[in-house]
Amino acid sequence: MKTPVFTYEASVAIAEEPAKKMEVVVTPYPFVILGRDWLSEYYLLLDGPDQQFQISKNPQKGQET
């Protein structure tokens, strides 16, 4: 079964990066869900044990692939 949803245009920015317009869906959650279309431009580092999260345009030293 398909459920129709309304989408909206929003501008999202991180730190000093320019805002990027994207299509969003409103949810009842107190946080956002970002898709790969937006995240594919960034490097993400999740450190679960220390509950740390980093996002950047360049890989962190020692994290290059």
Protein backbone atom coordinates (compact mmCIF):
# COMPACT_ATOMS: atom_id res chain seq x y z
CA MET A 1 0.00 0.00 0.00
CA LYS A 2 1.37 3.41 -0.93
CA THR A 3 0.93 6.39 1.35
CA PRO A 4 1.08 9.84 -0.24
CA VAL A 5 3.21 12.44 1.55
CA PHE A 6 3.77 16.15 1.12
CA THR A 7 7.30 17.35 0.45
CA TYR A 8 8.80 20.76 1.10
CA GLU A 9 11.91 22.61 -0.02
CA ALA A 10 14.36 23.40 2.77
CA SER A 11 17.87 24.81 2.98
CA VAL A 12 20.33 22.75 5.02
CA ALA A 13 23.84 23.88 5.97
CA ILE A 14 26.69 22.53 8.08
CA ALA A 15 29.18 24.88 9.76
CA GLU A 16 30.65 27.30 7.20
CA GLU A 17 29.38 25.37 4.17
CA PRO A 18 26.86 27.17 1.98
CA ALA A 19 23.25 26.10 2.41
CA LYS A 20 22.02 23.44 0.00
CA LYS A 21 18.38 23.30 -1.08
CA MET A 22 16.78 19.89 -0.80
CA GLU A 23 13.39 18.21 -0.79
CA VAL A 24 12.24 17.14 2.69
CA VAL A 25 9.40 15.21 4.27
CA VAL A 26 7.99 16.22 7.66
CA THR A 27 8.04 13.46 10.29
CA PRO A 28 6.90 13.28 13.92
CA TYR A 29 10.50 12.73 15.09
CA PRO A 30 12.58 15.38 16.92
CA PHE A 31 15.50 14.85 14.52
CA VAL A 32 16.19 14.82 10.80
CA ILE A 33 16.91 11.92 8.50
CA LEU A 34 19.45 12.74 5.79
CA GLY A 35 19.67 10.68 2.62
CA ARG A 36 22.70 9.61 0.63
CA ASP A 37 21.94 12.27 -1.97
CA TRP A 38 23.03 14.84 0.63
CA LEU A 39 25.51 12.80 2.69
CA SER A 40 27.51 11.60 -0.33
CA GLU A 41 29.31 14.97 -0.39
CA TYR A 42 30.73 14.54 3.13
CA TYR A 43 32.96 12.28 5.20
CA LEU A 44 31.27 10.91 8.30
CA LEU A 45 32.97 9.51 11.39
CA LEU A 46 30.89 7.81 14.07
CA ASP A 47 32.63 6.87 17.33
CA GLY A 48 29.97 4.88 19.16
CA PRO A 49 31.87 4.12 22.39
CA ASP A 50 32.67 7.83 22.92
CA GLN A 51 29.28 8.93 21.53
CA GLN A 52 30.98 11.30 19.07
CA PHE A 53 29.95 12.18 15.52
CA GLN A 54 32.02 14.20 13.04
CA ILE A 55 31.14 15.39 9.55
CA SER A 56 33.52 17.18 7.18
CA LYS A 57 34.26 17.87 3.52
CA ASN A 58 37.71 16.24 3.87
CA PRO A 59 38.69 12.95 5.52
CA GLN A 60 40.17 13.24 9.00
CA LYS A 61 43.89 12.51 9.30
CA GLY A 62 44.37 8.74 9.49
CA GLN A 63 40.85 8.04 8.17
CA GLU A 64 41.55 8.16 4.42
CA THR A 65 40.33 5.23 2.34
